[in-house]
PDB file of N, CA and C in Angstrom:
ATOM      1  N   UNK A   1      13.510  -2.474  -8.531  1.00  0.00           N
ATOM      2  CA  UNK A   1      13.890  -3.040  -7.250  1.00  0.00           C
ATOM      3  C   UNK A   1      14.269  -1.900  -6.308  1.00  0.00           C
ATOM      4  N   UNK A   2      14.083  -2.116  -5.027  1.00  0.00           N
ATOM      5  CA  UNK A   2      14.497  -1.094  -4.088  1.00  0.00           C
ATOM      6  C   UNK A   2      16.013  -0.917  -4.115  1.00  0.00           C
ATOM      7  N   UNK A   3      16.465   0.166  -3.512  1.00  0.00           N
ATOM      8  CA  UNK A   3      17.897   0.446  -3.496  1.00  0.00           C
ATOM      9  C   UNK A   3      18.689  -0.721  -2.925  1.00  0.00           C
ATOM     10  N   UNK A   4      18.155  -1.388  -1.908  1.00  0.00           N
ATOM     11  CA  UNK A   4      18.847  -2.521  -1.299  1.00  0.00           C
ATOM     12  C   UNK A   4      18.209  -3.802  -1.815  1.00  0.00           C
ATOM     13  N   UNK A   5      18.644  -4.250  -2.979  1.00  0.00           N
ATOM     14  CA  UNK A   5      18.043  -5.446  -3.579  1.00  0.00           C
ATOM     15  C   UNK A   5      18.732  -6.721  -3.119  1.00  0.00           C
ATOM     16  N   UNK A   6      19.722  -6.613  -2.247  1.00  0.00           N
ATOM     17  CA  UNK A   6      20.428  -7.786  -1.750  1.00  0.00           C
ATOM     18  C   UNK A   6      19.522  -8.843  -1.162  1.00  0.00           C
ATOM     19  N   UNK A   7      18.576  -8.467  -0.270  1.00  0.00           N
ATOM     20  CA  UNK A   7      17.688  -9.487   0.297  1.00  0.00           C
ATOM     21  C   UNK A   7      16.861 -10.210  -0.768  1.00  0.00           C
ATOM     22  N   UNK A   8      16.404  -9.500  -1.778  1.00  0.00           N
ATOM     23  CA  UNK A   8      15.620 -10.138  -2.832  1.00  0.00           C
ATOM     24  C   UNK A   8      16.476 -11.129  -3.610  1.00  0.00           C
ATOM     25  N   UNK A   9      17.715 -10.762  -3.867  1.00  0.00           N
ATOM     26  CA  UNK A   9      18.618 -11.658  -4.584  1.00  0.00           C
ATOM     27  C   UNK A   9      18.898 -12.897  -3.737  1.00  0.00           C
ATOM     28  N   UNK A  10      19.092 -12.710  -2.441  1.00  0.00           N
ATOM     29  CA  UNK A  10      19.337 -13.849  -1.550  1.00  0.00           C
ATOM     30  C   UNK A  10      18.126 -14.775  -1.516  1.00  0.00           C
ATOM     31  N   UNK A  11      16.920 -14.197  -1.504  1.00  0.00           N
ATOM     32  CA  UNK A  11      15.708 -15.021  -1.508  1.00  0.00           C
ATOM     33  C   UNK A  11      15.597 -15.803  -2.808  1.00  0.00           C
ATOM     34  N   UNK A  12      15.915 -15.158  -3.920  1.00  0.00           N
ATOM     35  CA  UNK A  12      15.853 -15.841  -5.213  1.00  0.00           C
ATOM     36  C   UNK A  12      16.874 -16.969  -5.265  1.00  0.00           C
ATOM     37  N   UNK A  13      18.048 -16.727  -4.728  1.00  0.00           N
ATOM     38  CA  UNK A  13      19.084 -17.751  -4.703  1.00  0.00           C
ATOM     39  C   UNK A  13      18.626 -18.950  -3.861  1.00  0.00           C
ATOM     40  N   UNK A  14      18.046 -18.672  -2.714  1.00  0.00           N
ATOM     41  CA  UNK A  14      17.542 -19.744  -1.856  1.00  0.00           C
ATOM     42  C   UNK A  14      16.410 -20.512  -2.515  1.00  0.00           C
ATOM     43  N   UNK A  15      15.515 -19.798  -3.185  1.00  0.00           N
ATOM     44  CA  UNK A  15      14.397 -20.458  -3.867  1.00  0.00           C
ATOM     45  C   UNK A  15      14.913 -21.341  -4.995  1.00  0.00           C
ATOM     46  N   UNK A  16      15.929 -20.867  -5.705  1.00  0.00           N
ATOM     47  CA  UNK A  16      16.497 -21.672  -6.789  1.00  0.00           C
ATOM     48  C   UNK A  16      17.119 -22.956  -6.240  1.00  0.00           C
ATOM     49  N   UNK A  17      17.801 -22.842  -5.112  1.00  0.00           N
ATOM     50  CA  UNK A  17      18.405 -24.032  -4.503  1.00  0.00           C
ATOM     51  C   UNK A  17      17.336 -25.025  -4.063  1.00  0.00           C
ATOM     52  N   UNK A  18      16.252 -24.535  -3.485  1.00  0.00           N
ATOM     53  CA  UNK A  18      15.177 -25.413  -3.036  1.00  0.00           C
ATOM     54  C   UNK A  18      14.406 -26.015  -4.208  1.00  0.00           C
ATOM     55  N   UNK A  19      14.383 -25.307  -5.340  1.00  0.00           N
ATOM     56  CA  UNK A  19      13.641 -25.798  -6.504  1.00  0.00           C
ATOM     57  C   UNK A  19      14.252 -27.088  -7.054  1.00  0.00           C
ATOM     58  N   UNK A  20      15.528 -27.300  -6.767  1.00  0.00           N
ATOM     59  CA  UNK A  20      16.168 -28.540  -7.223  1.00  0.00           C
ATOM     60  C   UNK A  20      15.544 -29.757  -6.553  1.00  0.00           C
ATOM     61  N   UNK A  21      14.959 -29.560  -5.369  1.00  0.00           N
ATOM     62  CA  UNK A  21      14.296 -30.638  -4.621  1.00  0.00           C
ATOM     63  C   UNK A  21      12.924 -30.132  -4.180  1.00  0.00           C
ATOM     64  N   UNK A  22      11.956 -30.114  -5.112  1.00  0.00           N
ATOM     65  CA  UNK A  22      10.645 -29.532  -4.803  1.00  0.00           C
ATOM     66  C   UNK A  22       9.989 -30.153  -3.569  1.00  0.00           C
ATOM     67  N   UNK A  23       9.522 -29.264  -2.710  1.00  0.00           N
ATOM     68  CA  UNK A  23       8.762 -29.672  -1.536  1.00  0.00           C
ATOM     69  C   UNK A  23       8.014 -28.452  -1.020  1.00  0.00           C
ATOM     70  N   UNK A  24       7.427 -28.562   0.146  1.00  0.00           N
ATOM     71  CA  UNK A  24       6.653 -27.464   0.710  1.00  0.00           C
ATOM     72  C   UNK A  24       7.526 -26.235   0.974  1.00  0.00           C
ATOM     73  N   UNK A  25       8.763 -26.450   1.388  1.00  0.00           N
ATOM     74  CA  UNK A  25       9.669 -25.327   1.677  1.00  0.00           C
ATOM     75  C   UNK A  25      10.002 -24.539   0.412  1.00  0.00           C
ATOM     76  N   UNK A  26      10.158 -25.243  -0.718  1.00  0.00           N
ATOM     77  CA  UNK A  26      10.484 -24.530  -1.951  1.00  0.00           C
ATOM     78  C   UNK A  26       9.300 -23.680  -2.402  1.00  0.00           C
ATOM     79  N   UNK A  27       8.092 -24.178  -2.242  1.00  0.00           N
ATOM     80  CA  UNK A  27       6.903 -23.399  -2.599  1.00  0.00           C
ATOM     81  C   UNK A  27       6.787 -22.172  -1.709  1.00  0.00           C
ATOM     82  N   UNK A  28       7.054 -22.335  -0.422  1.00  0.00           N
ATOM     83  CA  UNK A  28       7.005 -21.204   0.515  1.00  0.00           C
ATOM     84  C   UNK A  28       8.053 -20.157   0.142  1.00  0.00           C
ATOM     85  N   UNK A  29       9.251 -20.605  -0.213  1.00  0.00           N
ATOM     86  CA  UNK A  29      10.315 -19.670  -0.603  1.00  0.00           C
ATOM     87  C   UNK A  29       9.920 -18.885  -1.845  1.00  0.00           C
ATOM     88  N   UNK A  30       9.288 -19.557  -2.789  1.00  0.00           N
ATOM     89  CA  UNK A  30       8.857 -18.864  -4.003  1.00  0.00           C
ATOM     90  C   UNK A  30       7.755 -17.854  -3.705  1.00  0.00           C
ATOM     91  N   UNK A  31       6.845 -18.179  -2.793  1.00  0.00           N
ATOM     92  CA  UNK A  31       5.794 -17.233  -2.407  1.00  0.00           C
ATOM     93  C   UNK A  31       6.413 -15.998  -1.739  1.00  0.00           C
ATOM     94  N   UNK A  32       7.413 -16.192  -0.913  1.00  0.00           N
ATOM     95  CA  UNK A  32       8.099 -15.063  -0.273  1.00  0.00           C
ATOM     96  C   UNK A  32       8.761 -14.195  -1.333  1.00  0.00           C
ATOM     97  N   UNK A  33       9.389 -14.819  -2.298  1.00  0.00           N
ATOM     98  CA  UNK A  33      10.056 -14.089  -3.376  1.00  0.00           C
ATOM     99  C   UNK A  33       9.053 -13.287  -4.203  1.00  0.00           C
ATOM    100  N   UNK A  34       7.923 -13.897  -4.527  1.00  0.00           N
ATOM    101  CA  UNK A  34       6.880 -13.207  -5.285  1.00  0.00           C
ATOM    102  C   UNK A  34       6.356 -12.012  -4.492  1.00  0.00           C
ATOM    103  N   UNK A  35       6.106 -12.194  -3.217  1.00  0.00           N
ATOM    104  CA  UNK A  35       5.627 -11.088  -2.376  1.00  0.00           C
ATOM    105  C   UNK A  35       6.635  -9.942  -2.331  1.00  0.00           C
ATOM    106  N   UNK A  36       7.921 -10.276  -2.210  1.00  0.00           N
ATOM    107  CA  UNK A  36       8.962  -9.237  -2.184  1.00  0.00           C
ATOM    108  C   UNK A  36       9.004  -8.490  -3.510  1.00  0.00           C
ATOM    109  N   UNK A  37       8.853  -9.210  -4.611  1.00  0.00           N
ATOM    110  CA  UNK A  37       8.839  -8.571  -5.930  1.00  0.00           C
ATOM    111  C   UNK A  37       7.644  -7.652  -6.100  1.00  0.00           C
ATOM    112  N   UNK A  38       6.482  -8.087  -5.638  1.00  0.00           N
ATOM    113  CA  UNK A  38       5.287  -7.236  -5.728  1.00  0.00           C
ATOM    114  C   UNK A  38       5.435  -5.980  -4.877  1.00  0.00           C
ATOM    115  N   UNK A  39       6.003  -6.138  -3.695  1.00  0.00           N
ATOM    116  CA  UNK A  39       6.218  -4.988  -2.820  1.00  0.00           C
ATOM    117  C   UNK A  39       7.188  -4.001  -3.479  1.00  0.00           C
ATOM    118  N   UNK A  40       8.254  -4.511  -4.069  1.00  0.00           N
ATOM    119  CA  UNK A  40       9.226  -3.645  -4.731  1.00  0.00           C
ATOM    120  C   UNK A  40       8.590  -2.892  -5.898  1.00  0.00           C
ATOM    121  N   UNK A  41       7.763  -3.579  -6.671  1.00  0.00           N
ATOM    122  CA  UNK A  41       7.090  -2.920  -7.794  1.00  0.00           C
ATOM    123  C   UNK A  41       6.118  -1.854  -7.298  1.00  0.00           C
ATOM    124  N   UNK A  42       5.418  -2.130  -6.212  1.00  0.00           N
ATOM    125  CA  UNK A  42       4.517  -1.130  -5.642  1.00  0.00           C
ATOM    126  C   UNK A  42       5.262   0.101  -5.172  1.00  0.00           C
ATOM    127  N   UNK A  43       6.398  -0.106  -4.519  1.00  0.00           N
ATOM    128  CA  UNK A  43       7.215   1.026  -4.065  1.00  0.00           C
ATOM    129  C   UNK A  43       7.723   1.828  -5.256  1.00  0.00           C
ATOM    130  N   UNK A  44       8.145   1.149  -6.302  1.00  0.00           N
ATOM    131  CA  UNK A  44       8.631   1.829  -7.498  1.00  0.00           C
ATOM    132  C   UNK A  44       7.516   2.645  -8.143  1.00  0.00           C
ATOM    133  N   UNK A  45       6.320   2.091  -8.218  1.00  0.00           N
ATOM    134  CA  UNK A  45       5.186   2.834  -8.787  1.00  0.00           C
ATOM    135  C   UNK A  45       4.873   4.080  -7.971  1.00  0.00           C
ATOM    136  N   UNK A  46       4.936   3.960  -6.637  1.00  0.00           N
ATOM    137  CA  UNK A  46       4.674   5.129  -5.791  1.00  0.00           C
ATOM    138  C   UNK A  46       5.720   6.215  -6.013  1.00  0.00           C
ATOM    139  N   UNK A  47       6.976   5.829  -6.089  1.00  0.00           N
ATOM    140  CA  UNK A  47       8.051   6.803  -6.316  1.00  0.00           C
ATOM    141  C   UNK A  47       7.863   7.483  -7.667  1.00  0.00           C
ATOM    142  N   UNK A  48       7.578   6.701  -8.693  1.00  0.00           N
ATOM    143  CA  UNK A  48       7.378   7.286 -10.022  1.00  0.00           C
ATOM    144  C   UNK A  48       6.167   8.218 -10.032  1.00  0.00           C
ATOM    145  N   UNK A  49       5.125   7.864  -9.318  1.00  0.00           N
ATOM    146  CA  UNK A  49       3.954   8.739  -9.223  1.00  0.00           C
ATOM    147  C   UNK A  49       4.290  10.072  -8.578  1.00  0.00           C
ATOM    148  N   UNK A  50       5.074  10.030  -7.517  1.00  0.00           N
ATOM    149  CA  UNK A  50       5.489  11.269  -6.849  1.00  0.00           C
ATOM    150  C   UNK A  50       6.336  12.120  -7.793  1.00  0.00           C
ATOM    151  N   UNK A  51       7.251  11.486  -8.496  1.00  0.00           N
ATOM    152  CA  UNK A  51       8.101  12.228  -9.425  1.00  0.00           C
ATOM    153  C   UNK A  51       7.281  12.846 -10.554  1.00  0.00           C
ATOM    154  N   UNK A  52       6.284  12.125 -11.047  1.00  0.00           N
ATOM    155  CA  UNK A  52       5.424  12.676 -12.108  1.00  0.00           C
ATOM    156  C   UNK A  52       4.648  13.877 -11.592  1.00  0.00           C
ATOM    157  N   UNK A  53       4.105  13.774 -10.376  1.00  0.00           N
ATOM    158  CA  UNK A  53       3.352  14.891  -9.798  1.00  0.00           C
ATOM    159  C   UNK A  53       4.234  16.123  -9.647  1.00  0.00           C
ATOM    160  N   UNK A  54       5.449  15.939  -9.152  1.00  0.00           N
ATOM    161  CA  UNK A  54       6.369  17.058  -8.986  1.00  0.00           C
ATOM    162  C   UNK A  54       6.701  17.679 -10.326  1.00  0.00           C
ATOM    163  N   UNK A  55       6.917  16.840 -11.326  1.00  0.00           N
ATOM    164  CA  UNK A  55       7.274  17.322 -12.652  1.00  0.00           C
ATOM    165  C   UNK A  55       6.132  18.131 -13.251  1.00  0.00           C
ATOM    166  N   UNK A  56       4.913  17.644 -13.104  1.00  0.00           N
ATOM    167  CA  UNK A  56       3.761  18.344 -13.647  1.00  0.00           C
ATOM    168  C   UNK A  56       3.500  19.653 -12.910  1.00  0.00           C
ATOM    169  N   UNK A  57       3.657  19.658 -11.608  1.00  0.00           N
ATOM    170  CA  UNK A  57       3.375  20.867 -10.846  1.00  0.00           C
ATOM    171  C   UNK A  57       4.430  21.943 -11.062  1.00  0.00           C
ATOM    172  N   UNK A  58       5.626  21.548 -11.410  1.00  0.00           N
ATOM    173  CA  UNK A  58       6.689  22.520 -11.643  1.00  0.00           C
ATOM    174  C   UNK A  58       6.795  22.911 -13.112  1.00  0.00           C
ATOM    175  N   UNK A  59       5.971  22.339 -13.962  1.00  0.00           N
ATOM    176  CA  UNK A  59       5.996  22.679 -15.365  1.00  0.00           C
ATOM    177  C   UNK A  59       7.267  22.239 -16.068  1.00  0.00           C
ATOM    178  N   UNK A  60       7.843  21.158 -15.630  1.00  0.00           N
ATOM    179  CA  UNK A  60       9.106  20.708 -16.209  1.00  0.00           C
ATOM    180  C   UNK A  60       8.927  19.969 -17.531  1.00  0.00           C
ATOM    181  N   UNK A  61       7.721  19.858 -17.989  1.00  0.00           N
ATOM    182  CA  UNK A  61       7.506  19.145 -19.248  1.00  0.00           C
ATOM    183  C   UNK A  61       7.901  19.995 -20.449  1.00  0.00           C
ATOM    184  N   UNK A  62       7.883  21.307 -20.319  1.00  0.00           N
ATOM    185  CA  UNK A  62       8.300  22.162 -21.427  1.00  0.00           C
ATOM    186  C   UNK A  62       9.807  22.396 -21.337  1.00  0.00           C
ATOM    187  N   UNK A  63      10.435  22.621 -22.482  1.00  0.00           N
ATOM    188  CA  UNK A  63      11.884  22.854 -22.463  1.00  0.00           C
ATOM    189  C   UNK A  63      12.234  24.092 -21.643  1.00  0.00           C
ATOM    190  N   UNK A  64      13.295  23.993 -20.909  1.00  0.00           N
ATOM    191  CA  UNK A  64      13.758  25.112 -20.106  1.00  0.00           C
ATOM    192  C   UNK A  64      14.597  26.039 -20.981  1.00  0.00           C
ATOM    193  N   UNK A  65      14.542  27.352 -20.723  1.00  0.00           N
ATOM    194  CA  UNK A  65      15.335  28.282 -21.540  1.00  0.00           C
ATOM    195  C   UNK A  65      16.826  28.029 -21.371  1.00  0.00           C
ATOM    196  N   UNK A  66      17.540  28.211 -22.471  1.00  0.00           N
ATOM    197  CA  UNK A  66      18.993  28.093 -22.429  1.00  0.00           C
ATOM    198  C   UNK A  66      19.576  29.483 -22.268  1.00  0.00           C
ATOM    199  N   UNK A  67      20.840  29.551 -21.992  1.00  0.00           N
ATOM    200  CA  UNK A  67      21.503  30.843 -21.815  1.00  0.00           C
ATOM    201  C   UNK A  67      21.314  31.680 -23.068  1.00  0.00           C
ATOM    202  N   UNK A  68      21.456  31.085 -24.236  1.00  0.00           N
ATOM    203  CA  UNK A  68      21.287  31.812 -25.506  1.00  0.00           C
ATOM    204  C   UNK A  68      19.879  32.407 -25.588  1.00  0.00           C
ATOM    205  N   UNK A  69      18.852  31.656 -25.158  1.00  0.00           N
ATOM    206  CA  UNK A  69      17.478  32.148 -25.189  1.00  0.00           C
ATOM    207  C   UNK A  69      17.294  33.337 -24.251  1.00  0.00           C
ATOM    208  N   UNK A  70      17.909  33.286 -23.094  1.00  0.00           N
ATOM    209  CA  UNK A  70      17.808  34.389 -22.133  1.00  0.00           C
ATOM    210  C   UNK A  70      18.439  35.639 -22.722  1.00  0.00           C
ATOM    211  N   UNK A  71      19.582  35.513 -23.393  1.00  0.00           N
ATOM    212  CA  UNK A  71      20.246  36.660 -24.021  1.00  0.00           C
ATOM    213  C   UNK A  71      19.365  37.285 -25.086  1.00  0.00           C
ATOM    214  N   UNK A  72      18.671  36.456 -25.895  1.00  0.00           N
ATOM    215  CA  UNK A  72      17.780  36.973 -26.931  1.00  0.00           C
ATOM    216  C   UNK A  72      16.603  37.716 -26.313  1.00  0.00           C
ATOM    217  N   UNK A  73      16.039  37.185 -25.266  1.00  0.00           N
ATOM    218  CA  UNK A  73      14.914  37.852 -24.602  1.00  0.00           C
ATOM    219  C   UNK A  73      15.347  39.171 -23.979  1.00  0.00           C
ATOM    220  N   UNK A  74      16.530  39.206 -23.436  1.00  0.00           N
ATOM    221  CA  UNK A  74      17.056  40.423 -22.816  1.00  0.00           C
ATOM    222  C   UNK A  74      17.235  41.516 -23.882  1.00  0.00           C
ATOM    223  N   UNK A  75      17.730  41.139 -25.049  1.00  0.00           N
ATOM    224  CA  UNK A  75      17.956  42.097 -26.127  1.00  0.00           C
ATOM    225  C   UNK A  75      16.639  42.657 -26.648  1.00  0.00           C
ATOM    226  N   UNK A  76      15.598  41.846 -26.681  1.00  0.00           N
ATOM    227  CA  UNK A  76      14.283  42.292 -27.163  1.00  0.00           C
ATOM    228  C   UNK A  76      13.591  43.212 -26.172  1.00  0.00           C
ATOM    229  N   UNK A  77      13.849  42.964 -24.894  1.00  0.00           N
ATOM    230  CA  UNK A  77      13.109  43.569 -23.811  1.00  0.00           C
ATOM    231  C   UNK A  77      13.155  45.004 -23.668  1.00  0.00           C
TER     232      UNK A  77
END
């Protein structure tokens, strides 16, 4: 969910209230809720894609040296 998930929660609450008395308005509310959920998932996928690209380009997949490792390399050098 996006950082501000309040509107999505409010939409879900409204849809739940309308579901108690099914009609055209309740179906419309559910469609709005579904659209908001799909949009949130798309935004999350884009953010994760950007983070993966940054991680791969910076070589962060391999373990980073620790202070102890740096000291050992310095002694060998």
